Amino acid sequence: MREDQTFEIARAYDLLPHVVGASWASIWFRVNKIRRPTKEEFREKVVEYFKMLEPLTNAYPQDDIFKEMIDYIKDKHTDEIRRIITGNNSEIEKRYKRYVDYG
């Protein structure tokens, strides 16, 4: 698949984990007065909220013309979850540190 076909989806996945996942997770911890979650707890909560975006992976029609794009989106979604859980998403790690330091 050409980059011009995946560019916008890749940019969305650059933002969605921390804009949605980490933001909602931070609010959840704040409301529950949990000032110092572990990194693993924070990552798990981020994934919990990020997974709520999974219906977006089915946004395009199940036509042959979209098959390659749908496969790309599903793979990207799964890869982002793996990156969050393993601590390889630097934006999530920054959000965790910011929450713990400034909660």
N, C-alpha and C. Protein backbone atom coordinates (compact mmCIF):
# COMPACT_ATOMS: atom_id res chain seq x y z
N MET A 1 0.86 -1.18 0.00
CA MET A 1 0.00 0.00 0.00
C MET A 1 0.90 1.23 0.00
N ARG A 2 0.52 2.21 -0.77
CA ARG A 2 1.31 3.44 -0.88
C ARG A 2 1.13 4.32 0.36
N GLU A 3 2.17 5.11 0.64
CA GLU A 3 2.13 6.00 1.81
C GLU A 3 0.98 7.00 1.71
N ASP A 4 0.69 7.49 0.51
CA ASP A 4 -0.38 8.47 0.38
C ASP A 4 -1.74 7.86 0.73
N GLN A 5 -1.84 6.54 0.70
CA GLN A 5 -3.09 5.88 1.07
C GLN A 5 -3.18 5.65 2.58
N THR A 6 -2.06 5.58 3.25
CA THR A 6 -2.06 5.29 4.68
C THR A 6 -1.73 6.50 5.55
N PHE A 7 -1.30 7.58 4.95
CA PHE A 7 -0.81 8.73 5.71
C PHE A 7 -1.80 9.21 6.76
N GLU A 8 -3.03 9.46 6.38
CA GLU A 8 -4.02 10.03 7.32
C GLU A 8 -4.34 9.06 8.45
N ILE A 9 -4.42 7.77 8.15
CA ILE A 9 -4.69 6.78 9.19
C ILE A 9 -3.51 6.72 10.15
N ALA A 10 -2.30 6.72 9.63
CA ALA A 10 -1.11 6.69 10.48
C ALA A 10 -1.08 7.92 11.39
N ARG A 11 -1.42 9.09 10.86
CA ARG A 11 -1.43 10.31 11.69
C ARG A 11 -2.49 10.19 12.78
N ALA A 12 -3.65 9.65 12.45
CA ALA A 12 -4.70 9.48 13.47
C ALA A 12 -4.20 8.57 14.60
N TYR A 13 -3.50 7.50 14.24
CA TYR A 13 -2.99 6.59 15.26
C TYR A 13 -1.79 7.16 16.01
N ASP A 14 -1.18 8.21 15.48
CA ASP A 14 -0.16 8.93 16.25
C ASP A 14 -0.81 9.68 17.41
N LEU A 15 -2.05 10.11 17.23
CA LEU A 15 -2.73 10.95 18.21
C LEU A 15 -3.73 10.21 19.09
N LEU A 16 -4.47 9.30 18.52
CA LEU A 16 -5.57 8.67 19.27
C LEU A 16 -5.17 8.02 20.60
N PRO A 17 -4.06 7.30 20.67
CA PRO A 17 -3.73 6.67 21.95
C PRO A 17 -3.60 7.66 23.11
N HIS A 18 -2.93 8.78 22.88
CA HIS A 18 -2.76 9.69 24.02
C HIS A 18 -3.88 10.71 24.12
N VAL A 19 -4.44 11.15 23.00
CA VAL A 19 -5.51 12.14 23.08
C VAL A 19 -6.77 11.52 23.68
N VAL A 20 -7.08 10.31 23.30
CA VAL A 20 -8.26 9.65 23.84
C VAL A 20 -7.88 8.75 25.01
N GLY A 21 -7.04 7.75 24.75
CA GLY A 21 -6.71 6.77 25.79
C GLY A 21 -6.14 7.36 27.06
N ALA A 22 -5.06 8.11 26.94
CA ALA A 22 -4.40 8.67 28.13
C ALA A 22 -5.23 9.75 28.80
N SER A 23 -5.93 10.54 28.01
CA SER A 23 -6.76 11.61 28.60
C SER A 23 -7.88 11.01 29.44
N TRP A 24 -8.58 10.04 28.87
CA TRP A 24 -9.69 9.41 29.61
C TRP A 24 -9.15 8.65 30.82
N ALA A 25 -8.01 7.98 30.66
CA ALA A 25 -7.41 7.25 31.79
C ALA A 25 -7.03 8.21 32.91
N SER A 26 -6.43 9.33 32.56
CA SER A 26 -6.04 10.32 33.58
C SER A 26 -7.25 10.81 34.35
N ILE A 27 -8.32 11.10 33.64
CA ILE A 27 -9.55 11.54 34.31
C ILE A 27 -10.06 10.46 35.24
N TRP A 28 -10.05 9.21 34.78
CA TRP A 28 -10.54 8.10 35.60
C TRP A 28 -9.74 8.01 36.90
N PHE A 29 -8.41 8.07 36.81
CA PHE A 29 -7.58 8.00 38.01
C PHE A 29 -7.82 9.21 38.91
N ARG A 30 -7.95 10.38 38.32
CA ARG A 30 -8.17 11.60 39.10
C ARG A 30 -9.49 11.53 39.87
N VAL A 31 -10.56 11.15 39.19
CA VAL A 31 -11.88 11.08 39.83
C VAL A 31 -11.88 10.02 40.94
N ASN A 32 -11.14 8.95 40.73
CA ASN A 32 -11.06 7.89 41.74
C ASN A 32 -9.99 8.16 42.78
N LYS A 33 -9.39 9.36 42.73
CA LYS A 33 -8.39 9.81 43.70
C LYS A 33 -7.21 8.84 43.82
N ILE A 34 -6.79 8.32 42.68
CA ILE A 34 -5.61 7.44 42.63
C ILE A 34 -4.47 8.28 42.08
N ARG A 35 -3.64 8.77 43.00
CA ARG A 35 -2.58 9.71 42.61
C ARG A 35 -1.36 9.03 42.00
N ARG A 36 -1.08 7.81 42.39
CA ARG A 36 0.15 7.17 41.93
C ARG A 36 -0.12 5.75 41.41
N PRO A 37 -0.82 5.65 40.29
CA PRO A 37 -0.97 4.31 39.71
C PRO A 37 0.39 3.83 39.21
N THR A 38 0.57 2.54 39.14
CA THR A 38 1.80 2.04 38.54
C THR A 38 1.75 2.29 37.04
N LYS A 39 2.90 2.20 36.40
CA LYS A 39 2.92 2.36 34.94
C LYS A 39 2.01 1.33 34.29
N GLU A 40 2.06 0.10 34.81
CA GLU A 40 1.25 -0.97 34.23
C GLU A 40 -0.23 -0.67 34.39
N GLU A 41 -0.64 -0.17 35.56
CA GLU A 41 -2.06 0.18 35.77
C GLU A 41 -2.49 1.29 34.81
N PHE A 42 -1.63 2.27 34.66
CA PHE A 42 -1.94 3.38 33.76
C PHE A 42 -2.05 2.89 32.32
N ARG A 43 -1.09 2.09 31.89
CA ARG A 43 -1.12 1.56 30.53
C ARG A 43 -2.36 0.72 30.28
N GLU A 44 -2.71 -0.12 31.25
CA GLU A 44 -3.91 -0.96 31.10
C GLU A 44 -5.18 -0.11 30.97
N LYS A 45 -5.26 0.95 31.74
CA LYS A 45 -6.43 1.83 31.67
C LYS A 45 -6.45 2.57 30.33
N VAL A 46 -5.29 3.00 29.85
CA VAL A 46 -5.21 3.63 28.53
C VAL A 46 -5.72 2.67 27.47
N VAL A 47 -5.27 1.43 27.52
CA VAL A 47 -5.70 0.42 26.55
C VAL A 47 -7.21 0.19 26.66
N GLU A 48 -7.72 0.16 27.87
CA GLU A 48 -9.16 -0.03 28.06
C GLU A 48 -9.96 1.04 27.30
N TYR A 49 -9.55 2.29 27.44
CA TYR A 49 -10.25 3.37 26.74
C TYR A 49 -9.94 3.38 25.24
N PHE A 50 -8.70 3.08 24.90
CA PHE A 50 -8.33 3.05 23.48
C PHE A 50 -9.12 1.97 22.74
N LYS A 51 -9.36 0.85 23.39
CA LYS A 51 -10.11 -0.24 22.76
C LYS A 51 -11.54 0.18 22.43
N MET A 52 -12.05 1.18 23.12
CA MET A 52 -13.41 1.66 22.82
C MET A 52 -13.49 2.27 21.41
N LEU A 53 -12.34 2.58 20.84
CA LEU A 53 -12.29 3.12 19.48
C LEU A 53 -12.28 2.02 18.42
N GLU A 54 -12.29 0.78 18.86
CA GLU A 54 -12.21 -0.34 17.92
C GLU A 54 -13.29 -0.32 16.83
N PRO A 55 -14.51 0.13 17.12
CA PRO A 55 -15.50 0.20 16.03
C PRO A 55 -15.02 1.02 14.83
N LEU A 56 -14.09 1.94 15.04
CA LEU A 56 -13.55 2.72 13.92
C LEU A 56 -12.80 1.83 12.93
N THR A 57 -12.31 0.68 13.40
CA THR A 57 -11.59 -0.21 12.49
C THR A 57 -12.53 -0.84 11.48
N ASN A 58 -13.83 -0.70 11.71
CA ASN A 58 -14.84 -1.23 10.78
C ASN A 58 -15.61 -0.10 10.08
N ALA A 59 -15.02 1.06 10.03
CA ALA A 59 -15.73 2.22 9.49
C ALA A 59 -15.94 2.16 7.98
N TYR A 60 -15.05 1.50 7.28
CA TYR A 60 -15.17 1.43 5.83
C TYR A 60 -16.01 0.22 5.41
N PRO A 61 -16.66 0.31 4.26
CA PRO A 61 -17.46 -0.82 3.77
C PRO A 61 -16.59 -2.06 3.58
N GLN A 62 -17.18 -3.20 3.78
CA GLN A 62 -16.46 -4.46 3.63
C GLN A 62 -16.37 -4.87 2.16
N ASP A 63 -16.05 -3.91 1.31
CA ASP A 63 -15.89 -4.15 -0.12
C ASP A 63 -14.43 -4.51 -0.41
N ASP A 64 -14.23 -5.20 -1.52
CA ASP A 64 -12.87 -5.56 -1.93
C ASP A 64 -11.98 -4.33 -2.10
N ILE A 65 -12.56 -3.24 -2.54
CA ILE A 65 -11.77 -2.03 -2.77
C ILE A 65 -11.16 -1.48 -1.46
N PHE A 66 -11.80 -1.76 -0.33
CA PHE A 66 -11.30 -1.28 0.97
C PHE A 66 -10.55 -2.34 1.77
N LYS A 67 -10.48 -3.57 1.27
CA LYS A 67 -9.91 -4.68 2.05
C LYS A 67 -8.50 -4.37 2.56
N GLU A 68 -7.64 -3.89 1.67
CA GLU A 68 -6.26 -3.60 2.06
C GLU A 68 -6.21 -2.51 3.14
N MET A 69 -7.04 -1.48 3.00
CA MET A 69 -7.07 -0.41 3.99
C MET A 69 -7.61 -0.92 5.33
N ILE A 70 -8.66 -1.71 5.29
CA ILE A 70 -9.22 -2.27 6.52
C ILE A 70 -8.18 -3.12 7.25
N ASP A 71 -7.47 -3.95 6.51
CA ASP A 71 -6.42 -4.78 7.11
C ASP A 71 -5.34 -3.90 7.73
N TYR A 72 -4.97 -2.83 7.03
CA TYR A 72 -3.95 -1.90 7.55
C TYR A 72 -4.43 -1.27 8.86
N ILE A 73 -5.67 -0.82 8.89
CA ILE A 73 -6.21 -0.16 10.09
C ILE A 73 -6.26 -1.14 11.26
N LYS A 74 -6.73 -2.35 11.03
CA LYS A 74 -6.80 -3.34 12.11
C LYS A 74 -5.41 -3.68 12.64
N ASP A 75 -4.44 -3.83 11.74
CA ASP A 75 -3.06 -4.09 12.16
C ASP A 75 -2.49 -2.92 12.95
N LYS A 76 -2.77 -1.71 12.49
CA LYS A 76 -2.28 -0.51 13.18
C LYS A 76 -2.89 -0.42 14.58
N HIS A 77 -4.17 -0.70 14.70
CA HIS A 77 -4.86 -0.66 15.99
C HIS A 77 -4.23 -1.67 16.97
N THR A 78 -4.03 -2.89 16.49
CA THR A 78 -3.43 -3.94 17.31
C THR A 78 -2.01 -3.57 17.71
N ASP A 79 -1.26 -3.02 16.77
CA ASP A 79 0.12 -2.62 17.06
C ASP A 79 0.18 -1.50 18.10
N GLU A 80 -0.74 -0.56 18.04
CA GLU A 80 -0.75 0.53 19.02
C GLU A 80 -1.04 -0.02 20.42
N ILE A 81 -1.92 -0.97 20.53
CA ILE A 81 -2.20 -1.59 21.83
C ILE A 81 -0.94 -2.26 22.37
N ARG A 82 -0.24 -2.99 21.50
CA ARG A 82 1.01 -3.64 21.91
C ARG A 82 2.03 -2.60 22.36
N ARG A 83 2.15 -1.51 21.63
CA ARG A 83 3.11 -0.46 21.98
C ARG A 83 2.77 0.18 23.32
N ILE A 84 1.50 0.39 23.60
CA ILE A 84 1.09 0.97 24.88
C ILE A 84 1.45 0.02 26.02
N ILE A 85 1.07 -1.23 25.89
CA ILE A 85 1.30 -2.22 26.96
C ILE A 85 2.78 -2.42 27.24
N THR A 86 3.60 -2.39 26.21
CA THR A 86 5.04 -2.63 26.39
C THR A 86 5.82 -1.37 26.76
N GLY A 87 5.14 -0.23 26.83
CA GLY A 87 5.83 1.01 27.19
C GLY A 87 6.57 1.63 26.03
N ASN A 88 6.24 1.24 24.80
CA ASN A 88 6.92 1.75 23.62
C ASN A 88 6.18 2.87 22.92
N ASN A 89 5.21 3.45 23.58
CA ASN A 89 4.54 4.63 23.04
C ASN A 89 4.99 5.81 23.91
N SER A 90 5.90 6.60 23.39
CA SER A 90 6.52 7.66 24.19
C SER A 90 5.50 8.69 24.68
N GLU A 91 4.46 8.94 23.91
CA GLU A 91 3.44 9.91 24.35
C GLU A 91 2.69 9.40 25.58
N ILE A 92 2.39 8.12 25.62
CA ILE A 92 1.70 7.54 26.79
C ILE A 92 2.62 7.62 28.01
N GLU A 93 3.89 7.34 27.80
CA GLU A 93 4.84 7.40 28.91
C GLU A 93 4.97 8.83 29.44
N LYS A 94 4.96 9.82 28.54
CA LYS A 94 4.99 11.23 28.97
C LYS A 94 3.73 11.56 29.75
N ARG A 95 2.58 11.11 29.30
CA ARG A 95 1.32 11.39 29.99
C ARG A 95 1.30 10.75 31.37
N TYR A 96 1.85 9.55 31.47
CA TYR A 96 1.93 8.89 32.78
C TYR A 96 2.78 9.74 33.73
N LYS A 97 3.96 10.12 33.27
CA LYS A 97 4.85 10.92 34.13
C LYS A 97 4.19 12.23 34.52
N ARG A 98 3.54 12.88 33.58
CA ARG A 98 2.86 14.14 33.88
C ARG A 98 1.76 13.92 34.92
N TYR A 99 0.99 12.85 34.77
CA TYR A 99 -0.08 12.58 35.73
C TYR A 99 0.48 12.33 37.12
N VAL A 100 1.51 11.49 37.21
CA VAL A 100 2.08 11.17 38.52
C VAL A 100 2.74 12.39 39.14
N ASP A 101 3.40 13.21 38.32
CA ASP A 101 4.07 14.40 38.86
C ASP A 101 3.13 15.53 39.22
N TYR A 102 2.04 15.68 38.43
CA TYR A 102 1.15 16.84 38.62
C TYR A 102 -0.29 16.47 38.89
N GLY A 103 -0.66 15.20 38.70
CA GLY A 103 -1.99 14.63 38.89
C GLY A 103 -3.06 15.58 39.03
